[in-house]
Amino acid sequence: DLSLNLGGIKIEHPIMAGASPLSENLDGIKKLEDSGVS
């Protein structure tokens, strides 16, 4: 089980996307979700 609790938010696994140009617009955010980040 790789899930974790981050400030009361259940995260499925520890691979997350930090603030970057990929998270600047809605298309990038959807691509990040599609790529498997938690």
Full PDB file with SEQRES, HELIX, SHEET, SSBOND, CRYST1, ORIGX, SCALE, CONECT and MASTER records, all heavy atoms in Angstrom:
SEQRES   1 A   38  ASP LEU SER LEU ASN LEU GLY GLY ILE LYS ILE GLU HIS          
SEQRES   2 A   38  PRO ILE MET ALA GLY ALA SER PRO LEU SER GLU ASN LEU          
SEQRES   3 A   38  ASP GLY ILE LYS LYS LEU GLU ASP SER GLY VAL SER              
HELIX    1 AA1 PRO A   21  SER A   23  5                                   3    
HELIX    2 AA2 LEU A   26  ASP A   34  1                                   9    
SHEET    1 AA1 2 LEU A   4  LEU A   6  0                                        
SHEET    2 AA1 2 ILE A   9  ILE A  11 -1                                        
CRYST1    1.000    1.000    1.000  90.00  90.00  90.00 P 1           1          
ORIGX1      1.000000  0.000000  0.000000        0.00000                         
ORIGX2      0.000000  1.000000  0.000000        0.00000                         
ORIGX3      0.000000  0.000000  1.000000        0.00000                         
SCALE1      1.000000  0.000000  0.000000        0.00000                         
SCALE2      0.000000  1.000000  0.000000        0.00000                         
SCALE3      0.000000  0.000000  1.000000        0.00000                         
ATOM      1  N   ASP A   1       0.855  -1.192   0.000  1.00  0.00           N  
ATOM      2  CA  ASP A   1       0.000   0.000   0.000  1.00  0.00           C  
ATOM      3  C   ASP A   1       0.891   1.241   0.000  1.00  0.00           C  
ATOM      4  O   ASP A   1       1.591   1.513   0.971  1.00  0.00           O  
ATOM      5  CB  ASP A   1      -0.911  -0.017   1.229  1.00  0.00           C  
ATOM      6  CG  ASP A   1      -1.829   1.187   1.293  1.00  0.00           C  
ATOM      7  OD1 ASP A   1      -2.035   1.842   0.246  1.00  0.00           O  
ATOM      8  OD2 ASP A   1      -2.346   1.473   2.386  1.00  0.00           O  
ATOM      9  N   LEU A   2       0.883   1.983  -1.088  1.00  0.00           N  
ATOM     10  CA  LEU A   2       1.705   3.193  -1.209  1.00  0.00           C  
ATOM     11  C   LEU A   2       0.926   4.468  -0.910  1.00  0.00           C  
ATOM     12  O   LEU A   2       1.458   5.570  -1.060  1.00  0.00           O  
ATOM     13  CB  LEU A   2       2.289   3.283  -2.620  1.00  0.00           C  
ATOM     14  CG  LEU A   2       3.283   2.206  -3.014  1.00  0.00           C  
ATOM     15  CD1 LEU A   2       3.698   2.377  -4.468  1.00  0.00           C  
ATOM     16  CD2 LEU A   2       4.499   2.230  -2.115  1.00  0.00           C  
ATOM     17  N   SER A   3      -0.317   4.338  -0.503  1.00  0.00           N  
ATOM     18  CA  SER A   3      -1.130   5.532  -0.244  1.00  0.00           C  
ATOM     19  C   SER A   3      -0.590   6.289   0.967  1.00  0.00           C  
ATOM     20  O   SER A   3       0.086   5.731   1.823  1.00  0.00           O  
ATOM     21  CB  SER A   3      -2.587   5.142  -0.028  1.00  0.00           C  
ATOM     22  OG  SER A   3      -2.728   4.397   1.151  1.00  0.00           O  
ATOM     23  N   LEU A   4      -0.886   7.572   0.994  1.00  0.00           N  
ATOM     24  CA  LEU A   4      -0.463   8.398   2.107  1.00  0.00           C  
ATOM     25  C   LEU A   4      -1.504   9.456   2.389  1.00  0.00           C  
ATOM     26  O   LEU A   4      -2.393   9.711   1.588  1.00  0.00           O  
ATOM     27  CB  LEU A   4       0.902   9.033   1.810  1.00  0.00           C  
ATOM     28  CG  LEU A   4       1.032   9.872   0.545  1.00  0.00           C  
ATOM     29  CD1 LEU A   4       1.368  11.288   0.922  1.00  0.00           C  
ATOM     30  CD2 LEU A   4       2.121   9.283  -0.318  1.00  0.00           C  
ATOM     31  N   ASN A   5      -1.376  10.056   3.558  1.00  0.00           N  
ATOM     32  CA  ASN A   5      -2.285  11.109   3.981  1.00  0.00           C  
ATOM     33  C   ASN A   5      -1.503  12.415   3.978  1.00  0.00           C  
ATOM     34  O   ASN A   5      -0.551  12.572   4.731  1.00  0.00           O  
ATOM     35  CB  ASN A   5      -2.820  10.793   5.380  1.00  0.00           C  
ATOM     36  CG  ASN A   5      -3.858  11.785   5.840  1.00  0.00           C  
ATOM     37  OD1 ASN A   5      -3.974  12.883   5.313  1.00  0.00           O  
ATOM     38  ND2 ASN A   5      -4.612  11.397   6.833  1.00  0.00           N  
ATOM     39  N   LEU A   6      -1.890  13.337   3.140  1.00  0.00           N  
ATOM     40  CA  LEU A   6      -1.199  14.611   3.011  1.00  0.00           C  
ATOM     41  C   LEU A   6      -2.119  15.715   3.513  1.00  0.00           C  
ATOM     42  O   LEU A   6      -2.977  16.204   2.777  1.00  0.00           O  
ATOM     43  CB  LEU A   6      -0.800  14.847   1.551  1.00  0.00           C  
ATOM     44  CG  LEU A   6      -0.023  16.101   1.219  1.00  0.00           C  
ATOM     45  CD1 LEU A   6       1.357  16.052   1.862  1.00  0.00           C  
ATOM     46  CD2 LEU A   6       0.115  16.253  -0.282  1.00  0.00           C  
ATOM     47  N   GLY A   7      -1.976  16.062   4.776  1.00  0.00           N  
ATOM     48  CA  GLY A   7      -2.808  17.110   5.361  1.00  0.00           C  
ATOM     49  C   GLY A   7      -4.290  16.808   5.302  1.00  0.00           C  
ATOM     50  O   GLY A   7      -5.097  17.689   5.045  1.00  0.00           O  
ATOM     51  N   GLY A   8      -4.649  15.547   5.482  1.00  0.00           N  
ATOM     52  CA  GLY A   8      -6.047  15.146   5.447  1.00  0.00           C  
ATOM     53  C   GLY A   8      -6.549  14.748   4.064  1.00  0.00           C  
ATOM     54  O   GLY A   8      -7.697  14.375   3.904  1.00  0.00           O  
ATOM     55  N   ILE A   9      -5.686  14.811   3.068  1.00  0.00           N  
ATOM     56  CA  ILE A   9      -6.056  14.420   1.707  1.00  0.00           C  
ATOM     57  C   ILE A   9      -5.446  13.055   1.433  1.00  0.00           C  
ATOM     58  O   ILE A   9      -4.239  12.862   1.581  1.00  0.00           O  
ATOM     59  CB  ILE A   9      -5.532  15.439   0.672  1.00  0.00           C  
ATOM     60  CG1 ILE A   9      -6.081  16.832   0.970  1.00  0.00           C  
ATOM     61  CG2 ILE A   9      -5.885  15.009  -0.737  1.00  0.00           C  
ATOM     62  CD1 ILE A   9      -5.435  17.930   0.158  1.00  0.00           C  
ATOM     63  N   LYS A  10      -6.284  12.104   1.034  1.00  0.00           N  
ATOM     64  CA  LYS A  10      -5.770  10.770   0.729  1.00  0.00           C  
ATOM     65  C   LYS A  10      -5.163  10.775  -0.670  1.00  0.00           C  
ATOM     66  O   LYS A  10      -5.817  11.098  -1.647  1.00  0.00           O  
ATOM     67  CB  LYS A  10      -6.881   9.734   0.811  1.00  0.00           C  
ATOM     68  CG  LYS A  10      -6.390   8.319   0.552  1.00  0.00           C  
ATOM     69  CD  LYS A  10      -7.482   7.312   0.862  1.00  0.00           C  
ATOM     70  CE  LYS A  10      -7.180   5.897   0.499  1.00  0.00           C  
ATOM     71  NZ  LYS A  10      -5.906   5.370   0.571  1.00  0.00           N  
ATOM     72  N   ILE A  11      -3.890  10.416  -0.728  1.00  0.00           N  
ATOM     73  CA  ILE A  11      -3.142  10.350  -1.973  1.00  0.00           C  
ATOM     74  C   ILE A  11      -2.864   8.874  -2.257  1.00  0.00           C  
ATOM     75  O   ILE A  11      -2.402   8.149  -1.390  1.00  0.00           O  
ATOM     76  CB  ILE A  11      -1.808  11.129  -1.865  1.00  0.00           C  
ATOM     77  CG1 ILE A  11      -2.024  12.563  -1.378  1.00  0.00           C  
ATOM     78  CG2 ILE A  11      -1.044  11.098  -3.173  1.00  0.00           C  
ATOM     79  CD1 ILE A  11      -2.751  13.466  -2.307  1.00  0.00           C  
ATOM     80  N   GLU A  12      -3.146   8.413  -3.473  1.00  0.00           N  
ATOM     81  CA  GLU A  12      -3.034   6.998  -3.829  1.00  0.00           C  
ATOM     82  C   GLU A  12      -1.595   6.489  -3.828  1.00  0.00           C  
ATOM     83  O   GLU A  12      -1.337   5.361  -3.446  1.00  0.00           O  
ATOM     84  CB  GLU A  12      -3.666   6.742  -5.200  1.00  0.00           C  
ATOM     85  CG  GLU A  12      -5.166   6.984  -5.227  1.00  0.00           C  
ATOM     86  CD  GLU A  12      -5.935   6.081  -4.271  1.00  0.00           C  
ATOM     87  OE1 GLU A  12      -5.579   4.891  -4.149  1.00  0.00           O  
ATOM     88  OE2 GLU A  12      -6.869   6.579  -3.637  1.00  0.00           O  
ATOM     89  N   HIS A  13      -0.663   7.290  -4.297  1.00  0.00           N  
ATOM     90  CA  HIS A  13       0.751   6.907  -4.326  1.00  0.00           C  
ATOM     91  C   HIS A  13       1.594   8.173  -4.276  1.00  0.00           C  
ATOM     92  O   HIS A  13       1.072   9.282  -4.476  1.00  0.00           O  
ATOM     93  CB  HIS A  13       1.077   6.053  -5.566  1.00  0.00           C  
ATOM     94  CG  HIS A  13       0.713   6.691  -6.861  1.00  0.00           C  
ATOM     95  ND1 HIS A  13       1.503   7.638  -7.471  1.00  0.00           N  
ATOM     96  CD2 HIS A  13      -0.362   6.525  -7.671  1.00  0.00           C  
ATOM     97  CE1 HIS A  13       0.930   8.027  -8.599  1.00  0.00           C  
ATOM     98  NE2 HIS A  13      -0.214   7.368  -8.741  1.00  0.00           N  
ATOM     99  N   PRO A  14       2.894   8.070  -4.006  1.00  0.00           N  
ATOM    100  CA  PRO A  14       3.702   9.277  -3.789  1.00  0.00           C  
ATOM    101  C   PRO A  14       4.195   9.988  -5.052  1.00  0.00           C  
ATOM    102  O   PRO A  14       4.961  10.938  -4.952  1.00  0.00           O  
ATOM    103  CB  PRO A  14       4.892   8.745  -2.980  1.00  0.00           C  
ATOM    104  CG  PRO A  14       5.010   7.328  -3.357  1.00  0.00           C  
ATOM    105  CD  PRO A  14       3.602   6.852  -3.636  1.00  0.00           C  
ATOM    106  N   ILE A  15       3.750   9.595  -6.232  1.00  0.00           N  
ATOM    107  CA  ILE A  15       4.193  10.284  -7.446  1.00  0.00           C  
ATOM    108  C   ILE A  15       3.206  11.407  -7.758  1.00  0.00           C  
ATOM    109  O   ILE A  15       2.091  11.167  -8.212  1.00  0.00           O  
ATOM    110  CB  ILE A  15       4.325   9.311  -8.624  1.00  0.00           C  
ATOM    111  CG1 ILE A  15       5.360   8.241  -8.266  1.00  0.00           C  
ATOM    112  CG2 ILE A  15       4.724  10.054  -9.889  1.00  0.00           C  
ATOM    113  CD1 ILE A  15       5.483   7.143  -9.267  1.00  0.00           C  
ATOM    114  N   MET A  16       3.656  12.645  -7.464  1.00  0.00           N  
ATOM    115  CA  MET A  16       2.808  13.824  -7.636  1.00  0.00           C  
ATOM    116  C   MET A  16       3.512  14.825  -8.548  1.00  0.00           C  
ATOM    117  O   MET A  16       4.725  14.794  -8.690  1.00  0.00           O  
ATOM    118  CB  MET A  16       2.535  14.469  -6.280  1.00  0.00           C  
ATOM    119  CG  MET A  16       1.796  13.563  -5.315  1.00  0.00           C  
ATOM    120  SD  MET A  16       1.621  14.285  -3.694  1.00  0.00           S  
ATOM    121  CE  MET A  16       2.940  13.450  -2.826  1.00  0.00           C  
ATOM    122  N   ALA A  17       2.747  15.702  -9.146  1.00  0.00           N  
ATOM    123  CA  ALA A  17       3.297  16.746 -10.017  1.00  0.00           C  
ATOM    124  C   ALA A  17       3.393  18.050  -9.238  1.00  0.00           C  
ATOM    125  O   ALA A  17       2.384  18.535  -8.710  1.00  0.00           O  
ATOM    126  CB  ALA A  17       2.423  16.924 -11.250  1.00  0.00           C  
ATOM    127  N   GLY A  18       4.587  18.596  -9.168  1.00  0.00           N  
ATOM    128  CA  GLY A  18       4.779  19.889  -8.531  1.00  0.00           C  
ATOM    129  C   GLY A  18       4.389  21.018  -9.471  1.00  0.00           C  
ATOM    130  O   GLY A  18       4.080  20.801 -10.645  1.00  0.00           O  
ATOM    131  N   ALA A  19       4.407  22.218  -8.952  1.00  0.00           N  
ATOM    132  CA  ALA A  19       4.091  23.391  -9.772  1.00  0.00           C  
ATOM    133  C   ALA A  19       5.113  23.492 -10.900  1.00  0.00           C  
ATOM    134  O   ALA A  19       6.313  23.460 -10.664  1.00  0.00           O  
ATOM    135  CB  ALA A  19       4.119  24.644  -8.912  1.00  0.00           C  
ATOM    136  N   SER A  20       4.624  23.568 -12.113  1.00  0.00           N  
ATOM    137  CA  SER A  20       5.496  23.609 -13.284  1.00  0.00           C  
ATOM    138  C   SER A  20       4.709  24.180 -14.459  1.00  0.00           C  
ATOM    139  O   SER A  20       3.505  24.405 -14.351  1.00  0.00           O  
ATOM    140  CB  SER A  20       5.978  22.201 -13.624  1.00  0.00           C  
ATOM    141  OG  SER A  20       4.917  21.428 -14.147  1.00  0.00           O  
ATOM    142  N   PRO A  21       5.359  24.386 -15.590  1.00  0.00           N  
ATOM    143  CA  PRO A  21       4.618  24.837 -16.772  1.00  0.00           C  
ATOM    144  C   PRO A  21       3.511  23.860 -17.178  1.00  0.00           C  
ATOM    145  O   PRO A  21       2.527  24.270 -17.783  1.00  0.00           O  
ATOM    146  CB  PRO A  21       5.694  24.938 -17.855  1.00  0.00           C  
ATOM    147  CG  PRO A  21       6.951  25.212 -17.108  1.00  0.00           C  
ATOM    148  CD  PRO A  21       6.812  24.424 -15.829  1.00  0.00           C  
ATOM    149  N   LEU A  22       3.642  22.592 -16.817  1.00  0.00           N  
ATOM    150  CA  LEU A  22       2.600  21.614 -17.152  1.00  0.00           C  
ATOM    151  C   LEU A  22       1.295  21.890 -16.404  1.00  0.00           C  
ATOM    152  O   LEU A  22       0.222  21.538 -16.880  1.00  0.00           O  
ATOM    153  CB  LEU A  22       3.080  20.196 -16.840  1.00  0.00           C  
ATOM    154  CG  LEU A  22       4.211  19.669 -17.718  1.00  0.00           C  
ATOM    155  CD1 LEU A  22       4.713  18.347 -17.184  1.00  0.00           C  
ATOM    156  CD2 LEU A  22       3.740  19.524 -19.149  1.00  0.00           C  
ATOM    157  N   SER A  23       1.393  22.501 -15.229  1.00  0.00           N  
ATOM    158  CA  SER A  23       0.178  22.767 -14.446  1.00  0.00           C  
ATOM    159  C   SER A  23      -0.320  24.193 -14.618  1.00  0.00           C  
ATOM    160  O   SER A  23      -1.174  24.653 -13.867  1.00  0.00           O  
ATOM    161  CB  SER A  23       0.429  22.474 -12.965  1.00  0.00           C  
ATOM    162  OG  SER A  23       1.443  23.306 -12.456  1.00  0.00           O  
ATOM    163  N   GLU A  24       0.161  24.891 -15.633  1.00  0.00           N  
ATOM    164  CA  GLU A  24      -0.251  26.271 -15.876  1.00  0.00           C  
ATOM    165  C   GLU A  24      -1.614  26.398 -16.541  1.00  0.00           C  
ATOM    166  O   GLU A  24      -2.289  27.399 -16.388  1.00  0.00           O  
ATOM    167  CB  GLU A  24       0.785  26.998 -16.735  1.00  0.00           C  
ATOM    168  CG  GLU A  24       2.042  27.360 -15.983  1.00  0.00           C  
ATOM    169  CD  GLU A  24       1.806  28.389 -14.901  1.00  0.00           C  
ATOM    170  OE1 GLU A  24       1.089  29.368 -15.145  1.00  0.00           O  
ATOM    171  OE2 GLU A  24       2.325  28.192 -13.800  1.00  0.00           O  
ATOM    172  N   ASN A  25      -2.013  25.384 -17.315  1.00  0.00           N  
ATOM    173  CA  ASN A  25      -3.304  25.485 -18.001  1.00  0.00           C  
ATOM    174  C   ASN A  25      -4.074  24.176 -17.864  1.00  0.00           C  
ATOM    175  O   ASN A  25      -3.543  23.158 -17.430  1.00  0.00           O  
ATOM    176  CB  ASN A  25      -3.112  25.863 -19.475  1.00  0.00           C  
ATOM    177  CG  ASN A  25      -2.241  24.884 -20.220  1.00  0.00           C  
ATOM    178  OD1 ASN A  25      -2.416  23.676 -20.109  1.00  0.00           O  
ATOM    179  ND2 ASN A  25      -1.301  25.393 -20.988  1.00  0.00           N  
ATOM    180  N   LEU A  26      -5.328  24.218 -18.232  1.00  0.00           N  
ATOM    181  CA  LEU A  26      -6.221  23.070 -18.047  1.00  0.00           C  
ATOM    182  C   LEU A  26      -5.788  21.851 -18.859  1.00  0.00           C  
ATOM    183  O   LEU A  26      -5.843  20.724 -18.362  1.00  0.00           O  
ATOM    184  CB  LEU A  26      -7.652  23.474 -18.406  1.00  0.00           C  
ATOM    185  CG  LEU A  26      -8.756  22.496 -18.050  1.00  0.00           C  
ATOM    186  CD1 LEU A  26      -8.736  22.136 -16.580  1.00  0.00           C  
ATOM    187  CD2 LEU A  26     -10.098  23.066 -18.429  1.00  0.00           C  
ATOM    188  N   ASP A  27      -5.317  22.065 -20.075  1.00  0.00           N  
ATOM    189  CA  ASP A  27      -4.854  20.937 -20.892  1.00  0.00           C  
ATOM    190  C   ASP A  27      -3.676  20.227 -20.237  1.00  0.00           C  
ATOM    191  O   ASP A  27      -3.612  18.998 -20.216  1.00  0.00           O  
ATOM    192  CB  ASP A  27      -4.467  21.404 -22.296  1.00  0.00           C  
ATOM    193  CG  ASP A  27      -5.667  21.812 -23.129  1.00  0.00           C  
ATOM    194  OD1 ASP A  27      -6.784  21.321 -22.852  1.00  0.00           O  
ATOM    195  OD2 ASP A  27      -5.490  22.620 -24.056  1.00  0.00           O  
ATOM    196  N   GLY A  28      -2.740  20.991 -19.717  1.00  0.00           N  
ATOM    197  CA  GLY A  28      -1.588  20.407 -19.038  1.00  0.00           C  
ATOM    198  C   GLY A  28      -1.991  19.640 -17.800  1.00  0.00           C  
ATOM    199  O   GLY A  28      -1.450  18.567 -17.512  1.00  0.00           O  
ATOM    200  N   ILE A  29      -2.954  20.180 -17.043  1.00  0.00           N  
ATOM    201  CA  ILE A  29      -3.434  19.509 -15.837  1.00  0.00           C  
ATOM    202  C   ILE A  29      -4.082  18.172 -16.196  1.00  0.00           C  
ATOM    203  O   ILE A  29      -3.844  17.155 -15.544  1.00  0.00           O  
ATOM    204  CB  ILE A  29      -4.399  20.437 -15.063  1.00  0.00           C  
ATOM    205  CG1 ILE A  29      -3.612  21.608 -14.466  1.00  0.00           C  
ATOM    206  CG2 ILE A  29      -5.159  19.674 -13.992  1.00  0.00           C  
ATOM    207  CD1 ILE A  29      -4.457  22.708 -13.869  1.00  0.00           C  
ATOM    208  N   LYS A  30      -4.880  18.156 -17.268  1.00  0.00           N  
ATOM    209  CA  LYS A  30      -5.503  16.901 -17.712  1.00  0.00           C  
ATOM    210  C   LYS A  30      -4.452  15.891 -18.168  1.00  0.00           C  
ATOM    211  O   LYS A  30      -4.566  14.694 -17.895  1.00  0.00           O  
ATOM    212  CB  LYS A  30      -6.497  17.173 -18.838  1.00  0.00           C  
ATOM    213  CG  LYS A  30      -7.753  17.862 -18.382  1.00  0.00           C  
ATOM    214  CD  LYS A  30      -8.672  18.119 -19.562  1.00  0.00           C  
ATOM    215  CE  LYS A  30      -9.916  18.864 -19.147  1.00  0.00           C  
ATOM    216  NZ  LYS A  30     -10.793  19.131 -20.290  1.00  0.00           N  
ATOM    217  N   LYS A  31      -3.409  16.352 -18.865  1.00  0.00           N  
ATOM    218  CA  LYS A  31      -2.334  15.465 -19.302  1.00  0.00           C  
ATOM    219  C   LYS A  31      -1.594  14.864 -18.105  1.00  0.00           C  
ATOM    220  O   LYS A  31      -1.220  13.694 -18.128  1.00  0.00           O  
ATOM    221  CB  LYS A  31      -1.355  16.206 -20.211  1.00  0.00           C  
ATOM    222  CG  LYS A  31      -1.901  16.481 -21.588  1.00  0.00           C  
ATOM    223  CD  LYS A  31      -0.911  17.256 -22.426  1.00  0.00           C  
ATOM    224  CE  LYS A  31      -1.531  17.625 -23.761  1.00  0.00           C  
ATOM    225  NZ  LYS A  31      -0.638  18.454 -24.578  1.00  0.00           N  
ATOM    226  N   LEU A  32      -1.383  15.672 -17.071  1.00  0.00           N  
ATOM    227  CA  LEU A  32      -0.740  15.158 -15.868  1.00  0.00           C  
ATOM    228  C   LEU A  32      -1.579  14.059 -15.227  1.00  0.00           C  
ATOM    229  O   LEU A  32      -1.050  13.021 -14.817  1.00  0.00           O  
ATOM    230  CB  LEU A  32      -0.486  16.290 -14.870  1.00  0.00           C  
ATOM    231  CG  LEU A  32       0.627  17.256 -15.221  1.00  0.00           C  
ATOM    232  CD1 LEU A  32       0.598  18.475 -14.306  1.00  0.00           C  
ATOM    233  CD2 LEU A  32       1.979  16.564 -15.135  1.00  0.00           C  
ATOM    234  N   GLU A  33      -2.891  14.282 -15.151  1.00  0.00           N  
ATOM    235  CA  GLU A  33      -3.772  13.254 -14.593  1.00  0.00           C  
ATOM    236  C   GLU A  33      -3.721  11.989 -15.450  1.00  0.00           C  
ATOM    237  O   GLU A  33      -3.612  10.880 -14.917  1.00  0.00           O  
ATOM    238  CB  GLU A  33      -5.213  13.758 -14.494  1.00  0.00           C  
ATOM    239  CG  GLU A  33      -6.148  12.714 -13.915  1.00  0.00           C  
ATOM    240  CD  GLU A  33      -7.591  13.141 -13.905  1.00  0.00           C  
ATOM    241  OE1 GLU A  33      -8.022  13.852 -14.846  1.00  0.00           O  
ATOM    242  OE2 GLU A  33      -8.295  12.757 -12.963  1.00  0.00           O  
ATOM    243  N   ASP A  34      -3.770  12.142 -16.763  1.00  0.00           N  
ATOM    244  CA  ASP A  34      -3.727  11.003 -17.677  1.00  0.00           C  
ATOM    245  C   ASP A  34      -2.407  10.238 -17.577  1.00  0.00           C  
ATOM    246  O   ASP A  34      -2.357   9.042 -17.841  1.00  0.00           O  
ATOM    247  CB  ASP A  34      -3.956  11.447 -19.118  1.00  0.00           C  
ATOM    248  CG  ASP A  34      -5.373  11.958 -19.358  1.00  0.00           C  
ATOM    249  OD1 ASP A  34      -6.270  11.650 -18.530  1.00  0.00           O  
ATOM    250  OD2 ASP A  34      -5.580  12.672 -20.360  1.00  0.00           O  
ATOM    251  N   SER A  35      -1.331  10.936 -17.205  1.00  0.00           N  
ATOM    252  CA  SER A  35      -0.027  10.279 -17.106  1.00  0.00           C  
ATOM    253  C   SER A  35       0.132   9.485 -15.813  1.00  0.00           C  
ATOM    254  O   SER A  35       1.107   8.767 -15.652  1.00  0.00           O  
ATOM    255  CB  SER A  35       1.106  11.292 -17.245  1.00  0.00           C  
ATOM    256  OG  SER A  35       1.132  12.150 -16.130  1.00  0.00           O  
ATOM    257  N   GLY A  36      -0.818   9.617 -14.889  1.00  0.00           N  
ATOM    258  CA  GLY A  36      -0.814   8.769 -13.710  1.00  0.00           C  
ATOM    259  C   GLY A  36      -0.388   9.398 -12.402  1.00  0.00           C  
ATOM    260  O   GLY A  36      -0.239   8.689 -11.405  1.00  0.00           O  
ATOM    261  N   VAL A  37      -0.199  10.721 -12.370  1.00  0.00           N  
ATOM    262  CA  VAL A  37       0.168  11.330 -11.088  1.00  0.00           C  
ATOM    263  C   VAL A  37      -1.007  11.228 -10.117  1.00  0.00           C  
ATOM    264  O   VAL A  37      -2.166  11.161 -10.520  1.00  0.00           O  
ATOM    265  CB  VAL A  37       0.628  12.801 -11.245  1.00  0.00           C  
ATOM    266  CG1 VAL A  37       1.852  12.893 -12.121  1.00  0.00           C  
ATOM    267  CG2 VAL A  37      -0.467  13.687 -11.755  1.00  0.00           C  
ATOM    268  N   SER A  38      -0.691  11.211  -8.832  1.00  0.00           N  
ATOM    269  CA  SER A  38      -1.744  11.045  -7.829  1.00  0.00           C  
ATOM    270  C   SER A  38      -2.289  12.375  -7.310  1.00  0.00           C  
ATOM    271  O   SER A  38      -3.355  12.407  -6.696  1.00  0.00           O  
ATOM    272  CB  SER A  38      -1.214  10.236  -6.655  1.00  0.00           C  
ATOM    273  OG  SER A  38      -0.132  10.907  -6.045  1.00  0.00           O  
TER     274      SER A  38                                                      
MASTER        0    0    0    2    2    0    0    6  273    1    0    3          
END                                                                             
